[in-house]
């Protein structure tokens, strides 16, 4: 069950909007973040999403006193997934006498240096709608994301090439070379490092990495 905590110092209008949407919110004083979600991933591991919510004006003020960086560093240290919401639809570069590059620099620092996503919402209602979307997403059964792209249809030959291309350092040409030499996927998987190296374009390092992937235990 997803739990949603809202700091009691947050805008009362936001709390009312969330209550209208019948979200199970708990209003309390939070030590970090303005909004915190607690839920589970598809492995039933507990995940926490911490959100720092700022109006455009508050965001600009927090750049001046450097409050935003300290808040986000603390947020990142205490939750699995930190987010920054900047709320408002004015031209942020014209709200006050602020050099545009100072704003761009801060946004870049948050996104790249701290690796915290930045979500822009138009209003309190829009913010509430976004929070509702997060809540619904956490409530859905989760499935692992496939690491392989889906291409259809596959012939048997294409499936074999596809499997071998998934090995480290192996592209389409090397995949074909290996299959032509060893005649089957099974033979490639059972080949020694030395045997793999006898294939064109497969050096010592590639052969070692291939054997490592095949032989290592799954953790």
N, C-alpha and C. Protein backbone atom coordinates (compact mmCIF):
# COMPACT_ATOMS: atom_id res chain seq x y z
N UNK A 1 0.86 -1.20 0.00
CA UNK A 1 0.00 0.00 0.00
C UNK A 1 0.88 1.24 0.00
N UNK A 2 0.65 2.10 -0.97
CA UNK A 2 1.42 3.34 -1.06
C UNK A 2 0.98 4.32 0.02
N UNK A 3 1.94 4.95 0.66
CA UNK A 3 1.66 5.97 1.66
C UNK A 3 2.19 7.31 1.15
N UNK A 4 1.41 8.35 1.36
CA UNK A 4 1.79 9.68 0.92
C UNK A 4 1.80 10.63 2.12
N UNK A 5 2.98 11.18 2.39
CA UNK A 5 3.14 12.10 3.51
C UNK A 5 3.37 13.51 2.98
N UNK A 6 2.67 14.48 3.55
CA UNK A 6 2.79 15.89 3.18
C UNK A 6 3.24 16.69 4.40
N UNK A 7 4.23 17.52 4.20
CA UNK A 7 4.68 18.36 5.32
C UNK A 7 3.55 19.32 5.72
N UNK A 8 3.32 19.45 7.01
CA UNK A 8 2.20 20.27 7.49
C UNK A 8 2.38 21.75 7.16
N UNK A 9 3.61 22.15 6.80
CA UNK A 9 3.86 23.55 6.44
C UNK A 9 3.59 23.81 4.96
N UNK A 10 3.21 22.77 4.23
CA UNK A 10 2.92 22.95 2.81
C UNK A 10 1.65 23.77 2.61
N UNK A 11 1.51 24.28 1.40
CA UNK A 11 0.34 25.10 1.04
C UNK A 11 -0.94 24.30 1.29
N UNK A 12 -1.86 24.89 2.05
CA UNK A 12 -3.12 24.22 2.39
C UNK A 12 -3.94 23.91 1.14
N UNK A 13 -3.79 24.71 0.12
CA UNK A 13 -4.53 24.47 -1.12
C UNK A 13 -4.08 23.18 -1.80
N UNK A 14 -2.79 22.87 -1.67
CA UNK A 14 -2.30 21.61 -2.24
C UNK A 14 -2.90 20.43 -1.48
N UNK A 15 -2.94 20.55 -0.16
CA UNK A 15 -3.53 19.48 0.66
C UNK A 15 -5.00 19.28 0.29
N UNK A 16 -5.73 20.38 0.10
CA UNK A 16 -7.14 20.29 -0.28
C UNK A 16 -7.31 19.62 -1.65
N UNK A 17 -6.42 19.97 -2.58
CA UNK A 17 -6.47 19.37 -3.92
C UNK A 17 -6.25 17.86 -3.86
N UNK A 18 -5.31 17.45 -3.02
CA UNK A 18 -5.02 16.02 -2.88
C UNK A 18 -6.19 15.29 -2.22
N UNK A 19 -6.81 15.94 -1.25
CA UNK A 19 -7.97 15.34 -0.57
C UNK A 19 -9.14 15.19 -1.55
N UNK A 20 -9.31 16.17 -2.45
CA UNK A 20 -10.35 16.08 -3.47
C UNK A 20 -10.16 14.84 -4.35
N UNK A 21 -8.89 14.50 -4.58
CA UNK A 21 -8.56 13.35 -5.42
C UNK A 21 -8.57 12.04 -4.64
N UNK A 22 -8.96 12.15 -3.37
CA UNK A 22 -9.10 10.98 -2.49
C UNK A 22 -7.80 10.19 -2.33
N UNK A 23 -6.70 10.91 -2.31
CA UNK A 23 -5.43 10.26 -2.05
C UNK A 23 -5.26 10.08 -0.53
N UNK A 24 -4.73 8.95 -0.10
CA UNK A 24 -4.60 8.68 1.34
C UNK A 24 -3.41 9.43 1.94
N UNK A 25 -3.56 10.74 2.11
CA UNK A 25 -2.43 11.54 2.58
C UNK A 25 -2.38 11.58 4.11
N UNK A 26 -1.16 11.73 4.59
CA UNK A 26 -0.93 11.93 6.02
C UNK A 26 -0.15 13.23 6.18
N UNK A 27 -0.73 14.19 6.87
CA UNK A 27 -0.08 15.50 7.06
C UNK A 27 0.72 15.46 8.36
N UNK A 28 2.00 15.72 8.27
CA UNK A 28 2.86 15.71 9.45
C UNK A 28 4.08 16.57 9.15
N UNK A 29 4.84 16.90 10.16
CA UNK A 29 6.06 17.67 9.93
C UNK A 29 7.16 16.72 9.47
N UNK A 30 7.71 17.01 8.31
CA UNK A 30 8.75 16.18 7.74
C UNK A 30 10.12 16.81 7.97
N UNK A 31 11.10 15.98 8.30
CA UNK A 31 12.46 16.49 8.52
C UNK A 31 13.13 16.83 7.20
N UNK A 32 12.81 16.07 6.17
CA UNK A 32 13.32 16.35 4.83
C UNK A 32 12.16 16.30 3.85
N UNK A 33 12.30 16.98 2.75
CA UNK A 33 11.30 16.97 1.66
C UNK A 33 10.00 17.65 2.06
N UNK A 34 9.23 17.99 1.05
CA UNK A 34 7.89 18.54 1.26
C UNK A 34 6.84 17.45 1.12
N UNK A 35 7.18 16.44 0.30
CA UNK A 35 6.26 15.35 0.01
C UNK A 35 7.07 14.06 -0.07
N UNK A 36 6.57 13.00 0.56
CA UNK A 36 7.26 11.71 0.51
C UNK A 36 6.26 10.60 0.20
N UNK A 37 6.61 9.78 -0.78
CA UNK A 37 5.86 8.56 -1.08
C UNK A 37 6.64 7.37 -0.53
N UNK A 38 5.93 6.42 0.08
CA UNK A 38 6.52 5.14 0.44
C UNK A 38 5.72 4.06 -0.28
N UNK A 39 6.42 3.21 -1.02
CA UNK A 39 5.76 2.14 -1.76
C UNK A 39 6.71 0.97 -1.94
N UNK A 40 6.41 0.10 -2.91
CA UNK A 40 7.25 -1.07 -3.16
C UNK A 40 7.53 -1.19 -4.65
N UNK A 41 8.72 -1.76 -4.98
CA UNK A 41 9.01 -2.06 -6.38
C UNK A 41 8.54 -3.48 -6.69
N UNK A 42 8.83 -3.97 -7.92
CA UNK A 42 8.30 -5.27 -8.32
C UNK A 42 8.92 -6.43 -7.54
N UNK A 43 10.05 -6.18 -6.85
CA UNK A 43 10.65 -7.21 -6.00
C UNK A 43 10.19 -7.09 -4.55
N UNK A 44 9.18 -6.23 -4.31
CA UNK A 44 8.65 -5.99 -2.97
C UNK A 44 9.64 -5.28 -2.05
N UNK A 45 10.64 -4.63 -2.65
CA UNK A 45 11.56 -3.82 -1.86
C UNK A 45 10.92 -2.45 -1.61
N UNK A 46 11.08 -1.92 -0.40
CA UNK A 46 10.51 -0.62 -0.08
C UNK A 46 11.25 0.47 -0.84
N UNK A 47 10.50 1.35 -1.46
CA UNK A 47 11.09 2.50 -2.16
C UNK A 47 10.49 3.78 -1.59
N UNK A 48 11.29 4.81 -1.57
CA UNK A 48 10.80 6.11 -1.10
C UNK A 48 11.10 7.17 -2.16
N UNK A 49 10.09 7.96 -2.45
CA UNK A 49 10.24 9.07 -3.40
C UNK A 49 10.08 10.36 -2.60
N UNK A 50 11.13 11.16 -2.59
CA UNK A 50 11.11 12.43 -1.87
C UNK A 50 11.03 13.59 -2.83
N UNK A 51 10.10 14.50 -2.59
CA UNK A 51 9.88 15.61 -3.51
C UNK A 51 10.07 16.94 -2.80
N UNK A 52 10.91 17.77 -3.38
CA UNK A 52 11.04 19.15 -2.93
C UNK A 52 10.20 19.99 -3.89
N UNK A 53 9.20 20.69 -3.34
CA UNK A 53 8.30 21.50 -4.17
C UNK A 53 8.60 22.96 -3.97
N UNK A 54 8.81 23.67 -5.08
CA UNK A 54 9.10 25.11 -5.02
C UNK A 54 8.25 25.85 -6.04
N UNK A 55 7.71 26.98 -5.63
CA UNK A 55 7.14 27.88 -6.63
C UNK A 55 8.32 28.49 -7.38
N UNK A 56 8.04 29.09 -8.52
CA UNK A 56 9.13 29.69 -9.30
C UNK A 56 9.87 30.75 -8.48
N UNK A 57 9.12 31.58 -7.75
CA UNK A 57 9.75 32.64 -6.95
C UNK A 57 10.60 32.05 -5.83
N UNK A 58 10.07 31.04 -5.15
CA UNK A 58 10.83 30.41 -4.07
C UNK A 58 12.09 29.74 -4.61
N UNK A 59 11.99 29.15 -5.80
CA UNK A 59 13.17 28.53 -6.42
C UNK A 59 14.26 29.58 -6.66
N UNK A 60 13.86 30.73 -7.20
CA UNK A 60 14.84 31.80 -7.45
C UNK A 60 15.45 32.30 -6.14
N UNK A 61 14.63 32.47 -5.13
CA UNK A 61 15.15 32.91 -3.83
C UNK A 61 16.12 31.89 -3.23
N UNK A 62 15.84 30.61 -3.46
CA UNK A 62 16.70 29.56 -2.91
C UNK A 62 18.04 29.48 -3.63
N UNK A 63 18.11 30.01 -4.85
CA UNK A 63 19.40 30.09 -5.54
C UNK A 63 20.28 31.12 -4.86
N UNK A 64 19.68 32.25 -4.48
CA UNK A 64 20.43 33.34 -3.86
C UNK A 64 21.06 32.89 -2.54
N UNK A 65 20.27 32.25 -1.69
CA UNK A 65 20.81 31.85 -0.38
C UNK A 65 21.40 30.44 -0.37
N UNK A 66 21.46 29.82 -1.57
CA UNK A 66 22.05 28.48 -1.75
C UNK A 66 21.30 27.40 -0.96
N UNK A 67 20.09 27.72 -0.55
CA UNK A 67 19.28 26.77 0.21
C UNK A 67 18.93 25.54 -0.61
N UNK A 68 18.68 25.74 -1.91
CA UNK A 68 18.21 24.65 -2.76
C UNK A 68 19.21 23.51 -2.84
N UNK A 69 20.48 23.83 -2.96
CA UNK A 69 21.51 22.79 -3.08
C UNK A 69 21.59 21.96 -1.80
N UNK A 70 21.59 22.63 -0.65
CA UNK A 70 21.65 21.91 0.63
C UNK A 70 20.43 21.01 0.81
N UNK A 71 19.26 21.53 0.45
CA UNK A 71 18.03 20.75 0.59
C UNK A 71 18.06 19.50 -0.30
N UNK A 72 18.53 19.68 -1.53
CA UNK A 72 18.53 18.56 -2.47
C UNK A 72 19.59 17.52 -2.15
N UNK A 73 20.74 17.97 -1.64
CA UNK A 73 21.77 17.01 -1.21
C UNK A 73 21.24 16.15 -0.07
N UNK A 74 20.59 16.79 0.88
CA UNK A 74 20.02 16.05 2.02
C UNK A 74 18.93 15.10 1.54
N UNK A 75 18.12 15.57 0.59
CA UNK A 75 17.06 14.74 0.04
C UNK A 75 17.63 13.50 -0.62
N UNK A 76 18.66 13.70 -1.44
CA UNK A 76 19.29 12.59 -2.18
C UNK A 76 19.88 11.56 -1.23
N UNK A 77 20.35 12.01 -0.07
CA UNK A 77 20.98 11.10 0.90
C UNK A 77 19.96 10.27 1.68
N UNK A 78 18.70 10.65 1.62
CA UNK A 78 17.71 10.01 2.49
C UNK A 78 16.56 9.28 1.78
N UNK A 79 16.45 9.42 0.47
CA UNK A 79 15.39 8.71 -0.26
C UNK A 79 15.97 8.00 -1.47
N UNK A 80 15.21 7.03 -1.98
CA UNK A 80 15.65 6.31 -3.17
C UNK A 80 15.58 7.17 -4.43
N UNK A 81 14.47 7.90 -4.54
CA UNK A 81 14.23 8.68 -5.76
C UNK A 81 13.88 10.12 -5.41
N UNK A 82 14.84 11.04 -5.50
CA UNK A 82 14.53 12.44 -5.24
C UNK A 82 13.99 13.14 -6.50
N UNK A 83 13.07 14.06 -6.29
CA UNK A 83 12.52 14.85 -7.39
C UNK A 83 12.42 16.32 -6.96
N UNK A 84 12.54 17.20 -7.92
CA UNK A 84 12.30 18.62 -7.67
C UNK A 84 11.13 19.06 -8.54
N UNK A 85 10.10 19.62 -7.91
CA UNK A 85 8.98 20.20 -8.65
C UNK A 85 9.12 21.72 -8.59
N UNK A 86 9.09 22.36 -9.76
CA UNK A 86 9.06 23.82 -9.83
C UNK A 86 7.69 24.20 -10.38
N UNK A 87 6.93 24.92 -9.57
CA UNK A 87 5.53 25.17 -9.88
C UNK A 87 5.31 26.62 -10.34
N UNK A 88 4.59 26.77 -11.43
CA UNK A 88 4.28 28.10 -11.95
C UNK A 88 4.42 28.13 -13.46
N UNK A 89 3.75 29.08 -14.10
CA UNK A 89 3.81 29.13 -15.56
C UNK A 89 4.26 30.49 -16.10
N UNK A 90 4.85 31.31 -15.22
CA UNK A 90 5.42 32.57 -15.71
C UNK A 90 6.76 32.29 -16.39
N UNK A 91 7.26 33.28 -17.10
CA UNK A 91 8.61 33.18 -17.65
C UNK A 91 9.58 33.38 -16.50
N UNK A 92 10.20 32.31 -16.03
CA UNK A 92 11.03 32.36 -14.83
C UNK A 92 12.21 33.31 -14.97
N UNK A 93 12.62 33.55 -16.21
CA UNK A 93 13.77 34.42 -16.45
C UNK A 93 13.41 35.90 -16.33
N UNK A 94 12.12 36.17 -16.18
CA UNK A 94 11.69 37.58 -16.11
C UNK A 94 11.00 37.92 -14.79
N UNK A 95 10.93 36.98 -13.87
CA UNK A 95 10.22 37.23 -12.62
C UNK A 95 10.94 38.29 -11.80
N UNK A 96 12.26 38.22 -11.78
CA UNK A 96 13.03 39.22 -11.04
C UNK A 96 14.35 39.45 -11.76
N UNK A 97 15.10 40.41 -11.29
CA UNK A 97 16.35 40.78 -11.95
C UNK A 97 17.40 39.71 -11.68
N UNK A 98 17.38 38.71 -12.53
CA UNK A 98 18.25 37.55 -12.36
C UNK A 98 18.91 37.26 -13.69
N UNK A 99 20.22 37.05 -13.70
CA UNK A 99 20.87 36.72 -14.96
C UNK A 99 20.41 35.33 -15.40
N UNK A 100 19.95 35.18 -16.63
CA UNK A 100 19.44 33.88 -17.10
C UNK A 100 20.44 32.74 -16.92
N UNK A 101 21.74 33.04 -17.08
CA UNK A 101 22.74 31.98 -16.96
C UNK A 101 22.85 31.44 -15.53
N UNK A 102 22.50 32.27 -14.55
CA UNK A 102 22.52 31.80 -13.16
C UNK A 102 21.42 30.75 -12.95
N UNK A 103 20.27 30.99 -13.57
CA UNK A 103 19.17 30.03 -13.48
C UNK A 103 19.51 28.76 -14.26
N UNK A 104 20.01 28.95 -15.48
CA UNK A 104 20.38 27.78 -16.29
C UNK A 104 21.45 26.96 -15.60
N UNK A 105 22.42 27.64 -15.00
CA UNK A 105 23.51 26.94 -14.32
C UNK A 105 23.00 26.11 -13.16
N UNK A 106 22.06 26.66 -12.39
CA UNK A 106 21.51 25.92 -11.26
C UNK A 106 20.70 24.71 -11.74
N UNK A 107 19.88 24.90 -12.77
CA UNK A 107 19.10 23.79 -13.32
C UNK A 107 20.01 22.68 -13.84
N UNK A 108 21.09 23.09 -14.52
CA UNK A 108 22.05 22.11 -15.04
C UNK A 108 22.74 21.36 -13.91
N UNK A 109 23.10 22.08 -12.86
CA UNK A 109 23.77 21.47 -11.72
C UNK A 109 22.88 20.43 -11.04
N UNK A 110 21.60 20.78 -10.89
CA UNK A 110 20.65 19.86 -10.24
C UNK A 110 20.46 18.60 -11.09
N UNK A 111 20.28 18.80 -12.40
CA UNK A 111 20.00 17.67 -13.29
C UNK A 111 21.22 16.80 -13.55
N UNK A 112 22.40 17.44 -13.70
CA UNK A 112 23.60 16.70 -14.10
C UNK A 112 24.48 16.33 -12.91
N UNK A 113 24.81 17.31 -12.07
CA UNK A 113 25.70 17.03 -10.94
C UNK A 113 25.01 16.20 -9.86
N UNK A 114 23.79 16.61 -9.48
CA UNK A 114 23.06 15.88 -8.44
C UNK A 114 22.23 14.73 -9.01
N UNK A 115 22.01 14.76 -10.33
CA UNK A 115 21.21 13.74 -11.02
C UNK A 115 19.82 13.61 -10.40
N UNK A 116 19.21 14.77 -10.19
CA UNK A 116 17.84 14.81 -9.67
C UNK A 116 16.91 15.34 -10.77
N UNK A 117 15.88 14.57 -11.14
CA UNK A 117 14.95 15.04 -12.17
C UNK A 117 14.21 16.31 -11.73
N UNK A 118 13.95 17.18 -12.69
CA UNK A 118 13.22 18.42 -12.44
C UNK A 118 11.88 18.35 -13.19
N UNK A 119 10.80 18.47 -12.44
CA UNK A 119 9.46 18.43 -13.02
C UNK A 119 8.86 19.83 -12.93
N UNK A 120 8.36 20.34 -14.03
CA UNK A 120 7.72 21.66 -14.02
C UNK A 120 6.21 21.48 -14.12
N UNK A 121 5.49 22.05 -13.16
CA UNK A 121 4.03 22.02 -13.18
C UNK A 121 3.49 23.45 -13.29
N UNK A 122 2.27 23.58 -13.79
CA UNK A 122 1.72 24.91 -14.06
C UNK A 122 1.09 25.55 -12.83
N UNK A 123 0.56 24.73 -11.92
CA UNK A 123 -0.23 25.26 -10.81
C UNK A 123 -0.31 24.22 -9.69
N UNK A 124 -0.95 24.62 -8.59
CA UNK A 124 -1.18 23.67 -7.50
C UNK A 124 -2.01 22.48 -7.99
N UNK A 125 -3.02 22.75 -8.79
CA UNK A 125 -3.86 21.66 -9.32
C UNK A 125 -3.04 20.73 -10.20
N UNK A 126 -2.16 21.29 -10.98
CA UNK A 126 -1.30 20.48 -11.86
C UNK A 126 -0.33 19.64 -11.02
N UNK A 127 0.21 20.23 -9.96
CA UNK A 127 1.09 19.49 -9.06
C UNK A 127 0.34 18.32 -8.42
N UNK A 128 -0.89 18.58 -7.97
CA UNK A 128 -1.70 17.53 -7.36
C UNK A 128 -1.98 16.40 -8.36
N UNK A 129 -2.23 16.77 -9.61
CA UNK A 129 -2.49 15.76 -10.65
C UNK A 129 -1.24 14.92 -10.89
N UNK A 130 -0.08 15.56 -10.85
CA UNK A 130 1.18 14.83 -11.03
C UNK A 130 1.41 13.86 -9.87
N UNK A 131 1.14 14.31 -8.65
CA UNK A 131 1.30 13.45 -7.48
C UNK A 131 0.33 12.27 -7.54
N UNK A 132 -0.87 12.52 -8.04
CA UNK A 132 -1.85 11.44 -8.19
C UNK A 132 -1.33 10.40 -9.18
N UNK A 133 -0.70 10.86 -10.24
CA UNK A 133 -0.13 9.95 -11.24
C UNK A 133 0.96 9.07 -10.63
N UNK A 134 1.83 9.67 -9.81
CA UNK A 134 2.87 8.90 -9.13
C UNK A 134 2.24 7.84 -8.23
N UNK A 135 1.21 8.24 -7.48
CA UNK A 135 0.54 7.32 -6.57
C UNK A 135 -0.05 6.13 -7.32
N UNK A 136 -0.70 6.40 -8.44
CA UNK A 136 -1.30 5.32 -9.24
C UNK A 136 -0.23 4.40 -9.81
N UNK A 137 0.88 4.99 -10.22
CA UNK A 137 1.96 4.18 -10.78
C UNK A 137 2.55 3.24 -9.74
N UNK A 138 2.68 3.72 -8.51
CA UNK A 138 3.21 2.88 -7.44
C UNK A 138 2.24 1.76 -7.07
N UNK A 139 0.94 1.99 -7.30
CA UNK A 139 -0.05 0.99 -6.95
C UNK A 139 -0.14 -0.13 -8.00
N UNK A 140 0.36 0.13 -9.22
CA UNK A 140 0.27 -0.88 -10.28
C UNK A 140 1.28 -2.00 -10.03
N UNK A 141 0.92 -3.25 -10.38
CA UNK A 141 1.90 -4.34 -10.29
C UNK A 141 3.09 -4.03 -11.19
N UNK A 142 4.28 -4.22 -10.67
CA UNK A 142 5.48 -3.88 -11.43
C UNK A 142 6.06 -5.11 -12.13
N UNK A 143 6.58 -4.90 -13.30
CA UNK A 143 7.26 -5.96 -14.03
C UNK A 143 8.68 -5.51 -14.35
N UNK A 144 9.63 -6.46 -14.33
CA UNK A 144 10.99 -6.09 -14.72
C UNK A 144 11.02 -5.55 -16.14
N UNK A 145 11.86 -4.56 -16.38
CA UNK A 145 12.00 -4.00 -17.73
C UNK A 145 12.99 -4.86 -18.51
N UNK A 146 12.57 -5.31 -19.69
CA UNK A 146 13.45 -6.13 -20.52
C UNK A 146 14.65 -5.32 -20.99
N UNK A 147 15.83 -5.95 -20.97
CA UNK A 147 17.04 -5.30 -21.45
C UNK A 147 17.19 -5.44 -22.96
N UNK A 148 16.31 -6.22 -23.57
CA UNK A 148 16.42 -6.46 -25.00
C UNK A 148 15.30 -5.73 -25.74
N UNK A 149 15.64 -5.15 -26.87
CA UNK A 149 14.61 -4.52 -27.70
C UNK A 149 13.81 -5.62 -28.39
N UNK A 150 12.57 -5.30 -28.69
CA UNK A 150 11.70 -6.28 -29.32
C UNK A 150 11.70 -6.07 -30.82
N UNK A 151 12.12 -7.10 -31.55
CA UNK A 151 12.06 -7.04 -33.01
C UNK A 151 11.30 -8.26 -33.52
N UNK A 152 10.32 -8.04 -34.32
CA UNK A 152 9.54 -9.15 -34.85
C UNK A 152 9.38 -8.98 -36.36
N UNK A 153 9.25 -10.07 -37.09
CA UNK A 153 9.39 -11.45 -36.62
C UNK A 153 10.85 -11.88 -36.62
N UNK A 154 11.22 -12.89 -35.82
CA UNK A 154 12.55 -13.47 -35.81
C UNK A 154 12.52 -14.81 -36.55
N UNK A 155 13.43 -15.00 -37.49
CA UNK A 155 13.65 -16.33 -38.03
C UNK A 155 14.57 -17.06 -37.05
N UNK A 156 14.73 -18.36 -37.21
CA UNK A 156 15.63 -19.11 -36.35
C UNK A 156 17.05 -18.56 -36.45
N UNK A 157 17.48 -18.26 -37.66
CA UNK A 157 18.83 -17.72 -37.88
C UNK A 157 18.99 -16.38 -37.16
N UNK A 158 17.98 -15.52 -37.27
CA UNK A 158 18.03 -14.22 -36.60
C UNK A 158 18.06 -14.36 -35.09
N UNK A 159 17.31 -15.32 -34.55
CA UNK A 159 17.32 -15.55 -33.11
C UNK A 159 18.70 -15.98 -32.63
N UNK A 160 19.34 -16.85 -33.40
CA UNK A 160 20.68 -17.31 -33.04
C UNK A 160 21.67 -16.14 -33.05
N UNK A 161 21.61 -15.33 -34.08
CA UNK A 161 22.50 -14.17 -34.18
C UNK A 161 22.23 -13.19 -33.03
N UNK A 162 20.95 -13.03 -32.70
CA UNK A 162 20.54 -12.10 -31.65
C UNK A 162 21.11 -12.52 -30.29
N UNK A 163 21.05 -13.82 -30.01
CA UNK A 163 21.58 -14.35 -28.75
C UNK A 163 23.08 -14.08 -28.66
N UNK A 164 23.80 -14.36 -29.72
CA UNK A 164 25.27 -14.20 -29.68
C UNK A 164 25.66 -12.72 -29.65
N UNK A 165 24.86 -11.86 -30.29
CA UNK A 165 25.15 -10.42 -30.24
C UNK A 165 25.02 -9.85 -28.84
N UNK A 166 24.28 -10.53 -27.97
CA UNK A 166 24.12 -10.04 -26.60
C UNK A 166 25.36 -10.26 -25.75
N UNK A 167 26.31 -11.04 -26.24
CA UNK A 167 27.56 -11.27 -25.50
C UNK A 167 28.44 -10.03 -25.58
N UNK A 168 29.30 -9.79 -24.58
CA UNK A 168 30.10 -8.56 -24.54
C UNK A 168 31.05 -8.40 -25.73
N UNK A 169 30.97 -7.22 -26.35
CA UNK A 169 31.88 -6.89 -27.45
C UNK A 169 31.53 -7.52 -28.77
N UNK A 170 30.35 -8.15 -28.84
CA UNK A 170 29.97 -8.86 -30.07
C UNK A 170 28.93 -8.06 -30.85
N UNK A 171 29.30 -7.73 -32.08
CA UNK A 171 28.38 -7.04 -32.98
C UNK A 171 27.86 -8.01 -34.02
N UNK A 172 27.10 -7.51 -35.01
CA UNK A 172 26.51 -8.39 -36.04
C UNK A 172 27.53 -9.23 -36.80
N UNK A 173 28.66 -8.62 -37.17
CA UNK A 173 29.67 -9.35 -37.94
C UNK A 173 30.34 -10.44 -37.12
N UNK A 174 30.73 -10.11 -35.88
CA UNK A 174 31.36 -11.10 -35.01
C UNK A 174 30.39 -12.23 -34.68
N UNK A 175 29.12 -11.90 -34.53
CA UNK A 175 28.10 -12.91 -34.25
C UNK A 175 28.03 -13.93 -35.38
N UNK A 176 28.01 -13.43 -36.61
CA UNK A 176 27.96 -14.32 -37.78
C UNK A 176 29.23 -15.16 -37.86
N UNK A 177 30.39 -14.54 -37.59
CA UNK A 177 31.67 -15.27 -37.63
C UNK A 177 31.68 -16.43 -36.64
N UNK A 178 31.20 -16.17 -35.42
CA UNK A 178 31.17 -17.20 -34.39
C UNK A 178 30.23 -18.35 -34.77
N UNK A 179 29.06 -18.00 -35.27
CA UNK A 179 28.08 -19.03 -35.64
C UNK A 179 28.56 -19.86 -36.84
N UNK A 180 29.21 -19.20 -37.78
CA UNK A 180 29.73 -19.93 -38.93
C UNK A 180 30.84 -20.89 -38.52
N UNK A 181 31.64 -20.49 -37.53
CA UNK A 181 32.74 -21.33 -37.08
C UNK A 181 32.27 -22.49 -36.20
N UNK A 182 31.39 -22.17 -35.21
CA UNK A 182 31.01 -23.18 -34.23
C UNK A 182 29.70 -23.90 -34.57
N UNK A 183 28.97 -23.40 -35.54
CA UNK A 183 27.79 -24.06 -36.10
C UNK A 183 26.53 -24.01 -35.24
N UNK A 184 26.66 -23.70 -33.93
CA UNK A 184 25.46 -23.61 -33.09
C UNK A 184 25.73 -22.71 -31.88
N UNK A 185 24.66 -22.22 -31.28
CA UNK A 185 24.77 -21.39 -30.08
C UNK A 185 25.38 -22.21 -28.94
N UNK A 186 24.96 -23.46 -28.84
CA UNK A 186 25.45 -24.34 -27.78
C UNK A 186 26.96 -24.52 -27.85
N UNK A 187 27.48 -24.71 -29.06
CA UNK A 187 28.93 -24.89 -29.23
C UNK A 187 29.71 -23.64 -28.84
N UNK A 188 29.13 -22.48 -29.12
CA UNK A 188 29.79 -21.21 -28.75
C UNK A 188 29.84 -21.09 -27.24
N UNK A 189 28.73 -21.42 -26.57
CA UNK A 189 28.66 -21.31 -25.12
C UNK A 189 29.62 -22.27 -24.42
N UNK A 190 29.94 -23.38 -25.08
CA UNK A 190 30.83 -24.37 -24.48
C UNK A 190 32.28 -24.22 -24.92
N UNK A 191 32.53 -23.27 -25.81
CA UNK A 191 33.90 -23.08 -26.31
C UNK A 191 34.80 -22.47 -25.24
N UNK A 192 36.08 -22.86 -25.26
CA UNK A 192 37.05 -22.31 -24.33
C UNK A 192 37.52 -20.94 -24.82
N UNK A 193 38.22 -20.22 -23.96
CA UNK A 193 38.78 -18.92 -24.37
C UNK A 193 39.67 -19.09 -25.59
N UNK A 194 40.51 -20.11 -25.56
CA UNK A 194 41.44 -20.33 -26.67
C UNK A 194 40.70 -20.60 -27.96
N UNK A 195 39.64 -21.41 -27.88
CA UNK A 195 38.86 -21.71 -29.09
C UNK A 195 38.15 -20.46 -29.62
N UNK A 196 37.63 -19.63 -28.71
CA UNK A 196 36.97 -18.40 -29.13
C UNK A 196 37.93 -17.46 -29.84
N UNK A 197 39.18 -17.42 -29.35
CA UNK A 197 40.18 -16.53 -29.93
C UNK A 197 40.56 -16.93 -31.36
N UNK A 198 40.26 -18.15 -31.74
CA UNK A 198 40.60 -18.62 -33.09
C UNK A 198 39.62 -18.07 -34.13
N UNK A 199 38.57 -17.40 -33.63
CA UNK A 199 37.58 -16.79 -34.53
C UNK A 199 38.03 -15.38 -34.91
N UNK A 200 37.82 -15.03 -36.15
CA UNK A 200 38.20 -13.69 -36.64
C UNK A 200 37.48 -12.61 -35.82
N UNK A 201 38.21 -11.59 -35.42
CA UNK A 201 37.70 -10.43 -34.68
C UNK A 201 37.47 -10.72 -33.19
N UNK A 202 37.85 -11.92 -32.73
CA UNK A 202 37.70 -12.23 -31.30
C UNK A 202 39.10 -12.33 -30.69
N UNK A 203 39.48 -11.32 -29.93
CA UNK A 203 40.79 -11.31 -29.29
C UNK A 203 40.74 -11.91 -27.90
N UNK A 204 41.88 -11.84 -27.21
CA UNK A 204 42.00 -12.42 -25.87
C UNK A 204 41.03 -11.77 -24.89
N UNK A 205 40.93 -10.43 -24.93
CA UNK A 205 40.07 -9.71 -23.99
C UNK A 205 38.60 -10.05 -24.20
N UNK A 206 38.16 -10.06 -25.47
CA UNK A 206 36.75 -10.39 -25.76
C UNK A 206 36.43 -11.82 -25.32
N UNK A 207 37.35 -12.72 -25.62
CA UNK A 207 37.12 -14.13 -25.26
C UNK A 207 36.99 -14.28 -23.75
N UNK A 208 37.83 -13.56 -23.02
CA UNK A 208 37.79 -13.63 -21.55
C UNK A 208 36.47 -13.09 -21.02
N UNK A 209 36.00 -11.96 -21.58
CA UNK A 209 34.74 -11.37 -21.13
C UNK A 209 33.55 -12.26 -21.46
N UNK A 210 33.59 -12.91 -22.62
CA UNK A 210 32.51 -13.82 -22.99
C UNK A 210 32.42 -14.98 -22.00
N UNK A 211 33.58 -15.58 -21.69
CA UNK A 211 33.59 -16.69 -20.73
C UNK A 211 33.14 -16.24 -19.35
N UNK A 212 33.50 -15.01 -18.99
CA UNK A 212 33.10 -14.49 -17.68
C UNK A 212 31.57 -14.40 -17.58
N UNK A 213 30.94 -13.89 -18.62
CA UNK A 213 29.47 -13.77 -18.64
C UNK A 213 28.81 -15.15 -18.57
N UNK A 214 29.36 -16.09 -19.30
CA UNK A 214 28.77 -17.43 -19.37
C UNK A 214 28.95 -18.19 -18.06
N UNK A 215 30.10 -18.04 -17.42
CA UNK A 215 30.44 -18.87 -16.26
C UNK A 215 30.08 -18.25 -14.90
N UNK A 216 29.96 -16.93 -14.85
CA UNK A 216 29.72 -16.28 -13.54
C UNK A 216 28.34 -16.61 -12.98
N UNK A 217 28.26 -16.79 -11.67
CA UNK A 217 26.97 -17.03 -11.02
C UNK A 217 26.09 -15.80 -11.08
N UNK A 218 24.78 -16.02 -11.10
CA UNK A 218 23.81 -14.92 -11.13
C UNK A 218 23.51 -14.46 -9.71
N UNK A 219 23.73 -13.18 -9.44
CA UNK A 219 23.52 -12.65 -8.09
C UNK A 219 22.34 -11.69 -8.09
